[in-house]
Protein backbone atom coordinates (compact mmCIF):
# COMPACT_ATOMS: atom_id res chain seq x y z
CA MET A 1 62.67 65.86 136.80
CA ASP A 2 64.75 64.32 134.02
CA PRO A 3 66.40 67.05 131.86
CA ALA A 4 65.18 65.31 128.69
CA VAL A 5 61.57 65.45 129.90
CA ILE A 6 61.95 69.13 130.83
CA THR A 7 63.34 69.86 127.37
CA LEU A 8 60.43 68.06 125.70
CA CYS A 9 57.94 70.03 127.80
CA VAL A 10 59.58 73.33 126.82
CA LEU A 11 59.59 72.22 123.17
CA ALA A 12 55.90 71.29 123.32
CA VAL A 13 54.97 74.72 124.71
CA ALA A 14 57.14 76.39 122.06
CA ALA A 15 55.49 74.31 119.32
CA PHE A 16 52.03 75.38 120.52
CA LEU A 17 53.04 79.04 120.55
CA PHE A 18 54.67 78.78 117.12
CA VAL A 19 51.50 77.35 115.61
CA THR A 20 49.08 79.75 117.33
CA GLU A 21 51.39 82.81 117.30
CA LEU A 22 49.82 84.00 120.54
CA ILE A 23 53.09 85.80 121.14
CA PRO A 24 55.71 86.83 118.54
CA LEU A 25 57.85 84.02 117.12
CA ALA A 26 61.15 85.57 118.22
CA VAL A 27 59.83 86.03 121.76
CA THR A 28 58.79 82.37 121.86
CA ALA A 29 62.23 81.20 120.76
CA MET A 30 64.10 83.36 123.23
CA ALA A 31 61.68 82.43 126.02
CA ALA A 32 62.30 78.74 125.28
CA CYS A 33 66.07 78.98 125.67
CA THR A 34 65.65 81.25 128.71
CA ALA A 35 63.37 78.66 130.35
CA LEU A 36 65.93 75.92 129.71
CA GLY A 37 68.52 78.06 131.47
CA ILE A 38 66.27 78.85 134.47
CA LEU A 39 65.31 75.17 134.83
CA GLY A 40 68.97 74.14 134.86
CA VAL A 41 68.96 72.22 131.58
CA LEU A 42 71.47 74.55 129.95
CA PRO A 43 74.47 76.23 131.61
CA SER A 44 74.18 80.02 131.71
CA LYS A 45 76.96 80.43 129.13
CA GLN A 46 75.05 78.33 126.58
CA VAL A 47 71.58 79.88 126.95
CA TYR A 48 72.22 82.72 124.49
CA ALA A 49 75.25 81.25 122.74
CA GLY A 50 73.27 81.20 119.50
CA LEU A 51 73.52 84.99 119.26
CA SER A 52 77.27 84.72 118.74
CA ASN A 53 77.00 81.93 116.18
CA SER A 54 78.85 82.69 112.94
CA THR A 55 75.74 81.87 110.91
CA VAL A 56 73.82 84.61 112.73
CA VAL A 57 76.59 87.05 111.82
CA LEU A 58 76.51 85.83 108.21
CA PHE A 59 72.76 86.27 107.98
CA GLY A 60 72.89 89.75 109.53
CA GLY A 61 75.55 90.89 107.07
CA MET A 62 73.66 89.59 104.06
CA PHE A 63 70.47 91.25 105.28
CA VAL A 64 72.29 94.59 105.13
CA ILE A 65 73.67 93.92 101.64
CA GLY A 66 70.18 92.92 100.47
CA ALA A 67 68.77 96.11 101.99
CA ALA A 68 71.34 98.12 100.03
CA MET A 69 70.11 96.51 96.79
CA PHE A 70 66.58 97.71 97.52
CA LYS A 71 67.56 101.10 98.97
CA THR A 72 69.64 102.07 95.96
CA GLY A 73 66.91 100.81 93.63
CA LEU A 74 69.16 98.14 92.06
CA ALA A 75 66.83 95.19 92.71
CA GLU A 76 63.80 97.10 91.42
CA ALA A 77 65.70 98.37 88.36
CA ILE A 78 66.85 94.86 87.42
CA GLY A 79 63.36 93.46 87.87
CA ILE A 80 61.65 96.21 85.89
CA ALA A 81 64.19 96.04 83.04
CA VAL A 82 63.81 92.29 82.61
CA VAL A 83 60.03 92.31 82.90
CA LYS A 84 59.58 95.17 80.40
CA LYS A 85 61.85 93.49 77.84
CA ALA A 86 59.68 90.38 77.98
CA GLY A 87 56.88 92.18 76.17
CA THR A 88 53.16 91.80 76.77
CA ASN A 89 52.59 88.21 75.72
CA GLN A 90 51.31 86.28 78.74
CA VAL A 91 53.68 83.29 78.72
CA PRO A 92 57.00 85.08 77.93
CA LEU A 93 56.08 87.73 80.52
CA MET A 94 55.41 84.97 83.07
CA ALA A 95 58.78 83.34 82.30
CA ALA A 96 60.63 86.66 82.71
CA ILE A 97 58.83 87.45 85.99
CA MET A 98 59.65 84.05 87.46
CA LEU A 99 63.29 83.99 86.37
CA VAL A 100 64.16 87.49 87.63
CA THR A 101 62.26 86.88 90.89
CA ILE A 102 64.13 83.61 91.47
CA ALA A 103 67.47 85.34 90.86
CA LEU A 104 66.69 88.24 93.21
CA SER A 105 65.17 86.03 95.91
CA ALA A 106 68.29 83.86 95.99
CA VAL A 107 70.35 86.75 97.38
CA SER A 108 67.82 89.11 98.94
CA SER A 109 64.42 89.32 100.61
CA ASN A 110 61.76 87.37 98.72
CA THR A 111 59.07 89.51 100.36
CA GLY A 112 60.86 92.70 99.33
CA THR A 113 61.24 91.42 95.77
CA VAL A 114 57.50 90.78 95.49
CA ALA A 115 56.64 94.13 97.06
CA CYS A 116 58.85 96.05 94.61
CA LEU A 117 57.85 94.17 91.45
CA MET A 118 54.12 93.76 92.07
CA PRO A 119 53.01 97.35 91.27
CA VAL A 120 55.04 97.26 88.05
CA ILE A 121 53.60 93.89 86.99
CA ILE A 122 50.03 95.07 87.68
CA GLY A 123 50.65 98.17 85.55
CA ILE A 124 52.04 96.13 82.63
CA CYS A 125 49.15 93.68 82.81
CA GLN A 126 46.54 96.43 82.81
CA ALA A 127 48.21 98.16 79.85
CA ALA A 128 48.42 94.89 77.92
CA ASN A 129 44.89 93.81 78.84
CA ILE A 130 46.22 90.75 80.72
CA SER A 131 44.56 89.61 83.91
CA PRO A 132 47.01 90.49 86.72
CA SER A 133 46.10 87.30 88.57
CA LYS A 134 47.79 85.28 85.82
CA GLU A 135 51.14 86.91 86.57
CA LEU A 136 50.92 87.57 90.32
CA MET A 137 50.56 83.94 91.39
CA PRO A 138 53.74 82.93 89.47
CA LEU A 139 55.49 85.92 91.08
CA ALA A 140 54.80 84.55 94.59
CA ILE A 141 55.70 81.00 93.54
CA ALA A 142 59.05 82.11 92.12
CA ALA A 143 59.87 84.13 95.25
CA ASN A 144 59.35 81.04 97.41
CA VAL A 145 61.36 78.60 95.32
CA GLY A 146 64.14 81.11 94.54
CA GLY A 147 65.12 81.31 98.18
CA THR A 148 66.20 77.67 98.17
CA ILE A 149 69.27 78.33 96.01
CA THR A 150 71.59 79.83 98.64
CA MET A 151 72.05 79.56 102.39
CA ILE A 152 70.72 83.08 102.96
CA GLY A 153 67.94 82.88 100.38
CA THR A 154 65.37 81.79 102.95
CA PRO A 155 65.45 81.39 106.76
CA PRO A 156 64.84 77.58 106.78
CA ASN A 157 68.18 77.11 105.01
CA VAL A 158 69.93 78.97 107.82
CA ILE A 159 67.95 77.07 110.46
CA VAL A 160 68.94 73.60 109.22
CA THR A 161 72.56 74.71 108.87
CA GLY A 162 72.52 76.00 112.44
CA ALA A 163 70.97 72.76 113.71
CA LEU A 164 73.87 70.80 112.24
CA THR A 165 76.29 73.22 113.89
CA ALA A 166 74.55 72.81 117.27
CA ALA A 167 74.87 69.04 116.96
CA GLY A 168 78.59 69.28 116.15
CA LEU A 169 78.08 67.89 112.64
CA PRO A 170 79.45 69.01 109.23
CA THR A 171 77.33 71.85 107.87
CA PHE A 172 76.16 72.95 104.43
CA GLY A 173 78.19 75.36 102.33
CA PHE A 174 76.81 78.70 101.15
CA PHE A 175 76.09 77.48 97.60
CA GLU A 176 75.47 73.84 98.48
CA PHE A 177 71.73 74.44 98.51
CA ALA A 178 71.91 75.19 94.79
CA TYR A 179 72.33 71.46 94.08
CA ILE A 180 68.65 71.02 94.88
CA GLY A 181 67.49 74.65 94.65
CA ILE A 182 68.37 75.15 90.97
CA PRO A 183 66.80 71.87 89.73
CA LEU A 184 63.68 72.58 91.79
CA SER A 185 63.46 76.12 90.42
CA ILE A 186 63.73 74.82 86.84
CA ILE A 187 61.08 72.15 87.47
CA ILE A 188 58.66 74.62 89.11
CA VAL A 189 59.13 77.21 86.34
CA LEU A 190 58.56 74.64 83.57
CA TYR A 191 55.54 73.18 85.36
CA THR A 192 54.04 76.64 85.83
CA LEU A 193 54.61 77.69 82.22
CA PHE A 194 53.20 74.55 80.62
CA ILE A 195 50.69 73.16 83.13
CA GLY A 196 50.30 75.19 86.31
CA ARG A 197 49.28 78.42 84.58
CA HIS A 198 46.06 76.76 83.45
CA PHE A 199 45.04 76.39 87.12
CA VAL A 200 45.70 80.06 87.90
CA PRO A 201 42.33 81.82 87.86
CA ASP A 202 41.63 84.59 85.38
CA LYS A 203 40.32 87.34 87.63
CA GLN A 204 40.08 91.09 87.56
CA ALA A 205 42.58 92.98 89.67
CA GLY A 206 41.52 93.42 93.24
CA ALA A 207 42.55 96.18 95.59
CA MET A 208 46.22 96.18 96.48
CA ASP A 209 46.98 96.61 100.15
CA GLU A 210 49.25 99.56 99.57
CA GLU A 211 50.18 99.84 103.23
CA ALA A 212 51.25 96.17 103.39
CA VAL A 213 53.22 96.48 100.15
CA LYS A 214 54.91 99.67 101.36
CA ALA A 215 55.73 98.07 104.72
CA ALA A 216 57.20 94.99 103.03
CA ALA A 217 59.30 97.11 100.68
CA GLU A 218 60.55 99.30 103.53
CA GLU A 219 61.37 96.24 105.63
CA ALA A 220 63.53 94.96 102.79
CA GLY A 221 65.27 98.33 102.58
CA ALA A 222 63.40 100.16 99.84
CA SER A 223 62.71 103.75 100.85
CA GLY A 224 59.60 104.30 98.79
CA ASP A 225 60.16 108.05 99.12
CA GLY A 226 60.06 108.66 95.37
CA ALA A 227 63.45 110.36 95.45
CA PRO A 228 65.66 109.94 92.36
CA LYS A 229 67.99 106.97 92.60
CA SER A 230 71.73 107.32 92.17
CA LYS A 231 73.01 105.06 89.38
CA THR A 232 76.46 105.27 90.92
CA LYS A 233 75.18 103.80 94.19
CA MET A 234 73.29 101.14 92.23
CA TRP A 235 76.55 100.08 90.62
CA ILE A 236 78.41 100.18 93.93
CA SER A 237 75.82 98.00 95.71
CA GLY A 238 75.86 95.55 92.80
CA ILE A 239 79.67 95.34 92.81
CA ILE A 240 79.68 94.80 96.59
CA LEU A 241 77.15 91.97 96.26
CA LEU A 242 79.09 90.33 93.42
CA GLY A 243 82.35 90.72 95.35
CA VAL A 244 80.89 89.08 98.48
CA VAL A 245 79.38 86.24 96.48
CA ALA A 246 82.69 85.71 94.64
CA CYS A 247 84.62 85.55 97.93
CA MET A 248 82.12 83.02 99.26
CA ALA A 249 82.37 80.95 96.09
CA LEU A 250 86.18 80.88 96.28
CA GLY A 251 86.03 79.62 99.87
CA LEU A 252 89.02 81.66 101.05
CA LYS A 253 90.34 80.45 104.41
CA THR A 254 91.36 83.97 105.39
CA LEU A 255 87.88 85.27 104.56
CA PRO A 256 85.16 83.01 106.01
CA LEU A 257 81.53 83.42 104.90
CA HIS A 258 80.50 85.56 107.86
CA THR A 259 83.56 87.81 107.50
CA ALA A 260 82.82 88.35 103.81
CA ALA A 261 79.20 89.22 104.62
CA VAL A 262 80.11 91.68 107.38
CA THR A 263 82.79 93.28 105.16
CA GLY A 264 80.20 93.77 102.44
CA ALA A 265 77.75 95.26 104.95
CA ILE A 266 80.40 97.70 106.19
CA LEU A 267 81.21 98.75 102.63
CA CYS A 268 77.51 99.39 101.94
CA VAL A 269 77.45 101.90 104.81
CA VAL A 270 80.88 103.44 104.15
CA THR A 271 80.09 104.04 100.46
CA GLY A 272 76.77 105.69 101.30
CA CYS A 273 74.54 103.01 99.78
CA LEU A 274 72.90 102.79 103.19
CA LYS A 275 72.82 105.01 106.25
CA GLU A 276 73.71 103.41 109.56
CA LYS A 277 70.11 103.39 110.79
CA GLU A 278 68.93 101.95 107.46
CA ALA A 279 71.44 99.11 107.83
CA TYR A 280 70.06 98.26 111.26
CA ALA A 281 66.49 98.48 109.94
CA GLY A 282 67.34 96.14 107.05
CA ILE A 283 68.17 93.26 109.39
CA ASP A 284 65.34 90.80 109.98
CA TRP A 285 65.67 90.67 113.75
CA VAL A 286 62.79 88.21 114.09
CA THR A 287 64.73 85.61 112.11
CA ILE A 288 67.95 86.39 113.99
CA PHE A 289 66.45 85.92 117.45
CA LEU A 290 64.30 82.96 116.43
CA PHE A 291 67.36 81.23 115.00
CA ALA A 292 69.51 82.00 118.04
CA GLY A 293 66.86 80.85 120.49
CA MET A 294 66.06 77.60 118.74
CA LEU A 295 69.78 76.88 118.33
CA SER A 296 70.04 76.62 122.11
CA VAL A 297 66.90 74.45 122.23
CA ALA A 298 68.43 72.17 119.59
CA SER A 299 71.61 71.92 121.62
CA ALA A 300 69.59 70.98 124.73
CA MET A 301 67.69 68.30 122.82
CA GLU A 302 70.92 66.75 121.63
CA LYS A 303 72.71 66.86 125.00
CA THR A 304 69.80 65.68 127.18
CA GLY A 305 68.69 62.91 124.84
CA ALA A 306 65.26 64.47 124.27
CA GLY A 307 65.77 64.34 120.52
CA LYS A 308 66.65 60.65 120.73
CA MET A 309 63.45 59.95 122.67
CA ILE A 310 61.37 61.50 119.89
CA ALA A 311 63.43 59.74 117.23
CA ASP A 312 63.02 56.33 118.86
CA THR A 313 59.25 56.83 119.04
CA VAL A 314 59.02 57.78 115.35
CA VAL A 315 61.30 54.97 114.21
CA ASN A 316 59.41 52.38 116.28
CA MET A 317 56.16 53.50 114.66
CA MET A 318 57.67 52.84 111.24
CA GLY A 319 58.87 49.36 112.13
CA GLU A 320 62.34 47.84 112.20
CA ASN A 321 64.99 49.24 109.85
CA PRO A 322 62.83 51.94 108.18
CA ASN A 323 63.85 52.91 104.66
CA PRO A 324 65.68 56.26 104.77
CA TYR A 325 63.96 57.34 101.55
CA VAL A 326 60.53 56.68 103.06
CA LEU A 327 61.53 58.40 106.29
CA THR A 328 62.79 61.45 104.39
CA ALA A 329 59.57 61.60 102.39
CA VAL A 330 57.48 61.42 105.59
CA LEU A 331 59.49 64.20 107.25
CA PHE A 332 59.25 66.28 104.05
CA LEU A 333 55.46 65.94 104.13
CA ILE A 334 55.26 66.90 107.81
CA SER A 335 57.44 69.98 107.28
CA ASN A 336 55.56 70.95 104.13
CA VAL A 337 52.11 70.63 105.70
CA LEU A 338 53.18 72.64 108.75
CA THR A 339 54.64 75.44 106.63
CA GLN A 340 51.30 75.98 104.86
CA PHE A 341 49.77 77.13 108.14
CA MET A 342 52.66 78.55 110.17
CA SER A 343 55.96 80.35 109.73
CA ASN A 344 58.40 78.38 107.58
CA THR A 345 61.17 79.52 109.91
CA ALA A 346 59.34 78.14 112.94
CA SER A 347 58.53 74.91 111.10
CA ALA A 348 62.20 74.32 110.26
CA ALA A 349 63.31 75.29 113.77
CA LEU A 350 60.95 72.75 115.35
CA LEU A 351 61.77 69.84 113.06
CA ALA A 352 65.51 70.26 112.40
CA PRO A 353 66.82 68.86 115.72
CA ILE A 354 64.24 66.06 115.57
CA GLY A 355 65.34 65.22 112.03
CA ILE A 356 68.98 64.94 113.14
CA SER A 357 68.06 62.56 115.97
CA ILE A 358 65.89 60.40 113.69
CA ALA A 359 68.62 60.16 111.06
CA GLN A 360 71.23 59.19 113.64
CA SER A 361 68.92 56.59 115.19
CA ILE A 362 68.75 54.66 111.89
CA GLY A 363 72.43 55.15 111.11
CA ALA A 364 71.84 57.62 108.27
CA ASP A 365 73.66 60.86 107.48
CA PRO A 366 71.54 63.74 108.88
CA LYS A 367 72.43 66.09 105.99
CA PRO A 368 69.97 64.72 103.38
CA VAL A 369 67.21 64.61 106.01
CA LEU A 370 67.91 68.21 107.08
CA MET A 371 68.06 69.35 103.46
CA ALA A 372 64.65 67.79 102.81
CA LEU A 373 63.18 69.47 105.91
CA GLY A 374 64.55 72.87 104.90
CA ILE A 375 63.39 72.61 101.29
CA ALA A 376 59.95 71.40 102.37
CA ALA A 377 59.55 74.39 104.68
CA SER A 378 60.15 76.73 101.73
CA MET A 379 57.68 75.01 99.35
CA ALA A 380 54.89 77.17 100.76
CA PHE A 381 52.55 77.31 97.77
CA ALA A 382 49.22 75.92 98.96
CA THR A 383 47.71 78.59 101.24
CA PRO A 384 47.63 82.41 101.26
CA MET A 385 49.04 82.57 104.79
CA ALA A 386 51.91 80.14 104.13
CA THR A 387 54.41 82.90 103.37
CA PRO A 388 54.38 86.73 103.04
CA PRO A 389 54.72 86.70 99.20
CA ASN A 390 51.51 84.64 99.00
CA THR A 391 49.71 87.08 101.29
CA LEU A 392 50.90 90.14 99.35
CA VAL A 393 49.42 88.95 96.03
CA LEU A 394 46.14 87.77 97.63
CA GLY A 395 44.20 91.03 97.26
CA PRO A 396 45.57 92.31 93.92
CA GLY A 397 45.10 88.87 92.36
CA GLY A 398 41.58 88.47 93.70
CA PHE A 399 42.53 84.97 94.85
CA SER A 400 40.63 82.66 97.18
CA PHE A 401 42.00 79.97 99.49
CA ASN A 402 41.02 77.30 96.95
CA ASP A 403 42.97 79.07 94.20
CA TYR A 404 46.20 78.63 96.15
CA ALA A 405 45.35 74.97 96.85
CA LYS A 406 44.64 74.19 93.17
CA VAL A 407 47.93 75.71 92.06
CA GLY A 408 50.08 74.89 95.08
CA VAL A 409 49.22 71.30 96.09
CA PRO A 410 50.49 69.76 92.80
CA MET A 411 53.68 71.82 93.15
CA CYS A 412 54.18 70.57 96.71
CA LEU A 413 53.83 66.97 95.50
CA ILE A 414 56.20 67.58 92.59
CA SER A 415 58.71 69.12 95.03
CA LEU A 416 58.40 66.05 97.26
CA VAL A 417 59.11 63.61 94.44
CA ALA A 418 61.94 65.73 93.02
CA SER A 419 63.57 66.18 96.44
CA VAL A 420 63.44 62.48 97.35
CA ILE A 421 65.11 61.68 94.02
CA ILE A 422 67.66 64.52 93.80
CA ILE A 423 68.76 65.03 97.42
CA PRO A 424 70.27 61.52 97.95
CA ILE A 425 72.31 61.96 94.75
CA PHE A 426 74.28 64.84 96.27
CA TRP A 427 73.94 63.86 99.95
CA PRO A 428 73.86 60.05 100.20
CA PHE A 429 72.31 58.45 103.27
């Protein structure tokens, strides 16, 4: 059988399993690359090559640094301080919640941020006689959009960067996502404060799934043991984070992104901000293995021509010489719709190699197309299952499926328009 056809068959099975989640996402990804090796599509040395990719190392290091922020209590302390200073007026409180959540989600776990801040926000709302639902929905929205600002802010950003690497193309820089992430964050915040908040239902607080919140906080690195936090370790973890970010911003040749991240992770353990086992626990292994597995699948699609086959089919459906703006908008919509019902990581992993092939088939630069796919996968506002932050606020906010749709669908459309306008400015076709 033709290697391209075999690759497409493996991809189709993987897509089905990603959507249904009959087996864990990471298992699906690793099984896909393993199957390609067994079937002779990939040489044995390339089957698990994604595990040694520098982006995987970068992501692992930043996971540890993010865990240190939660373990020491730094992330929670920053969030609580900002939120409490905002007062008890609904709109200023909403603005403070969204801004601090965006900032924290850009450099750490968005799920962990929501898990740590949610109990505090509920308490403030109850004391101020404000419906918690009015503040919890913006909290989840901000966590989702905040991740788009840096490469490590959300898994889709890492996925699209890795896809470019697998295809041998120039990749995105660590802060390059901010060109679209910051404008989008500003637009979403302003829309929420002036228009979107009117669509957020005014409901009494529902029961908070304390076990889910605790699990999410612990996964991010927060201990939740109630033990007093060391201010010294808070300062140390903050300085380490700022130092790593500064090194990344300077772009030092002697200190690549992944080296800076690993150095920061080592310092977090050496200084006692994290124990060794806590560092391991802070790494999102699902994302790591899913990324590594789909990196090999992307490589197979590029080398066998499977990606080109899909691209040619899509392009032919759109007629001769399709407009790259229209094509980008269509791919944005596909990615955005998928992410409302499945993992945003899986959505990006499926579409990234296809997006590269489509862009190349029409003679366009793949970078704006990949950026649109990644951003679209993170604009998960319209359903409660679209992303963990949405799910966490579901019970406490007393929300229904329709509540998410009323608030989220307009935001998805706004994100689409903004992305199609802004992305080509910084990454021309």
